[in-house]
């Protein structure tokens, strides 16, 4: 009788540990996916920021329209 109780307890512990390992693995995969999304967002923000800076330089007369278009094309590509 005691052996059966021990087997049940061990079985429950194995199931619980398997579940925790599963959760940890999935959480790390989710974190990696979120980090990639954040990197993509930051990349797009930096392009937009650079375009805004170029626009400011154009408006202030520091660069010409031709230079602006050339630099803009580099950023977008």
C-alpha atoms as a PDB file:
ATOM      1  CA  UNK A   1       0.000   0.000   0.000  1.00  0.00           C
ATOM      2  CA  UNK A   2       2.791   2.431   0.900  1.00  0.00           C
ATOM      3  CA  UNK A   3       4.582   1.610  -2.351  1.00  0.00           C
ATOM      4  CA  UNK A   4       1.509   2.601  -4.331  1.00  0.00           C
ATOM      5  CA  UNK A   5       1.345   5.940  -2.491  1.00  0.00           C
ATOM      6  CA  UNK A   6       5.043   6.558  -3.196  1.00  0.00           C
ATOM      7  CA  UNK A   7       4.542   5.696  -6.874  1.00  0.00           C
ATOM      8  CA  UNK A   8       1.599   8.085  -7.107  1.00  0.00           C
ATOM      9  CA  UNK A   9       3.584  10.885  -5.431  1.00  0.00           C
ATOM     10  CA  UNK A  10       6.573  10.287  -7.740  1.00  0.00           C
ATOM     11  CA  UNK A  11       4.270  10.228 -10.762  1.00  0.00           C
ATOM     12  CA  UNK A  12       2.687  13.530  -9.734  1.00  0.00           C
ATOM     13  CA  UNK A  13       6.127  15.077  -9.190  1.00  0.00           C
ATOM     14  CA  UNK A  14       7.273  13.927 -12.639  1.00  0.00           C
ATOM     15  CA  UNK A  15       4.176  15.442 -14.232  1.00  0.00           C
ATOM     16  CA  UNK A  16       4.655  18.722 -12.329  1.00  0.00           C
ATOM     17  CA  UNK A  17       8.331  18.954 -13.295  1.00  0.00           C
ATOM     18  CA  UNK A  18       7.497  18.224 -16.937  1.00  0.00           C
ATOM     19  CA  UNK A  19       4.902  20.988 -16.902  1.00  0.00           C
ATOM     20  CA  UNK A  20       7.357  23.493 -15.373  1.00  0.00           C
ATOM     21  CA  UNK A  21      10.015  22.614 -17.947  1.00  0.00           C
ATOM     22  CA  UNK A  22       7.452  23.022 -20.727  1.00  0.00           C
ATOM     23  CA  UNK A  23       6.458  26.466 -19.396  1.00  0.00           C
ATOM     24  CA  UNK A  24      10.096  27.585 -19.118  1.00  0.00           C
ATOM     25  CA  UNK A  25      10.899  26.511 -22.682  1.00  0.00           C
ATOM     26  CA  UNK A  26       7.815  28.224 -24.102  1.00  0.00           C
ATOM     27  CA  UNK A  27       8.473  31.381 -22.099  1.00  0.00           C
ATOM     28  CA  UNK A  28      12.000  31.645 -23.494  1.00  0.00           C
ATOM     29  CA  UNK A  29      10.701  31.161 -27.055  1.00  0.00           C
ATOM     30  CA  UNK A  30       8.127  33.873 -26.451  1.00  0.00           C
ATOM     31  CA  UNK A  31      10.816  36.229 -25.110  1.00  0.00           C
ATOM     32  CA  UNK A  32      12.960  35.667 -28.195  1.00  0.00           C
ATOM     33  CA  UNK A  33       9.996  36.472 -30.440  1.00  0.00           C
ATOM     34  CA  UNK A  34       9.245  39.644 -28.500  1.00  0.00           C
ATOM     35  CA  UNK A  35      12.887  40.751 -28.652  1.00  0.00           C
ATOM     36  CA  UNK A  36      12.880  40.341 -32.432  1.00  0.00           C
ATOM     37  CA  UNK A  37       9.693  42.400 -32.697  1.00  0.00           C
ATOM     38  CA  UNK A  38      11.221  45.155 -30.558  1.00  0.00           C
ATOM     39  CA  UNK A  39      14.380  45.165 -32.683  1.00  0.00           C
ATOM     40  CA  UNK A  40      12.285  45.523 -35.840  1.00  0.00           C
ATOM     41  CA  UNK A  41      10.310  48.374 -34.305  1.00  0.00           C
ATOM     42  CA  UNK A  42      13.513  50.124 -33.231  1.00  0.00           C
ATOM     43  CA  UNK A  43      14.960  49.665 -36.701  1.00  0.00           C
ATOM     44  CA  UNK A  44      11.911  51.286 -38.294  1.00  0.00           C
ATOM     45  CA  UNK A  45      11.943  54.090 -35.744  1.00  0.00           C
ATOM     46  CA  UNK A  46      15.553  54.851 -36.519  1.00  0.00           C
ATOM     47  CA  UNK A  47      14.785  55.122 -40.255  1.00  0.00           C
ATOM     48  CA  UNK A  48      11.900  57.471 -39.537  1.00  0.00           C
ATOM     49  CA  UNK A  49      14.081  59.524 -37.192  1.00  0.00           C
ATOM     50  CA  UNK A  50      16.790  59.781 -39.846  1.00  0.00           C
ATOM     51  CA  UNK A  51      14.238  60.877 -42.439  1.00  0.00           C
ATOM     52  CA  UNK A  52      12.974  63.559 -40.081  1.00  0.00           C
ATOM     53  CA  UNK A  53      16.523  64.761 -39.503  1.00  0.00           C
ATOM     54  CA  UNK A  54      17.115  64.901 -43.245  1.00  0.00           C
ATOM     55  CA  UNK A  55      13.886  66.862 -43.656  1.00  0.00           C
ATOM     56  CA  UNK A  56      15.061  69.345 -41.027  1.00  0.00           C
ATOM     57  CA  UNK A  57      18.414  69.726 -42.780  1.00  0.00           C
ATOM     58  CA  UNK A  58      16.595  70.373 -46.052  1.00  0.00           C
ATOM     59  CA  UNK A  59      14.289  72.942 -44.471  1.00  0.00           C
ATOM     60  CA  UNK A  60      17.243  74.743 -42.880  1.00  0.00           C
ATOM     61  CA  UNK A  61      19.009  74.864 -46.230  1.00  0.00           C
ATOM     62  CA  UNK A  62      21.971  72.780 -45.078  1.00  0.00           C
ATOM     63  CA  UNK A  63      21.442  70.207 -47.830  1.00  0.00           C
ATOM     64  CA  UNK A  64      19.940  70.575 -51.279  1.00  0.00           C
ATOM     65  CA  UNK A  65      16.841  68.862 -52.617  1.00  0.00           C
ATOM     66  CA  UNK A  66      19.029  66.594 -54.725  1.00  0.00           C
ATOM     67  CA  UNK A  67      21.112  65.548 -51.706  1.00  0.00           C
ATOM     68  CA  UNK A  68      17.950  64.991 -49.690  1.00  0.00           C
ATOM     69  CA  UNK A  69      16.481  62.678 -52.322  1.00  0.00           C
ATOM     70  CA  UNK A  70      19.753  60.773 -52.626  1.00  0.00           C
ATOM     71  CA  UNK A  71      20.060  60.254 -48.859  1.00  0.00           C
ATOM     72  CA  UNK A  72      16.375  59.386 -48.542  1.00  0.00           C
ATOM     73  CA  UNK A  73      16.702  56.724 -51.204  1.00  0.00           C
ATOM     74  CA  UNK A  74      19.670  55.190 -49.344  1.00  0.00           C
ATOM     75  CA  UNK A  75      17.673  55.039 -46.114  1.00  0.00           C
ATOM     76  CA  UNK A  76      14.605  53.509 -47.662  1.00  0.00           C
ATOM     77  CA  UNK A  77      16.549  50.852 -49.556  1.00  0.00           C
END
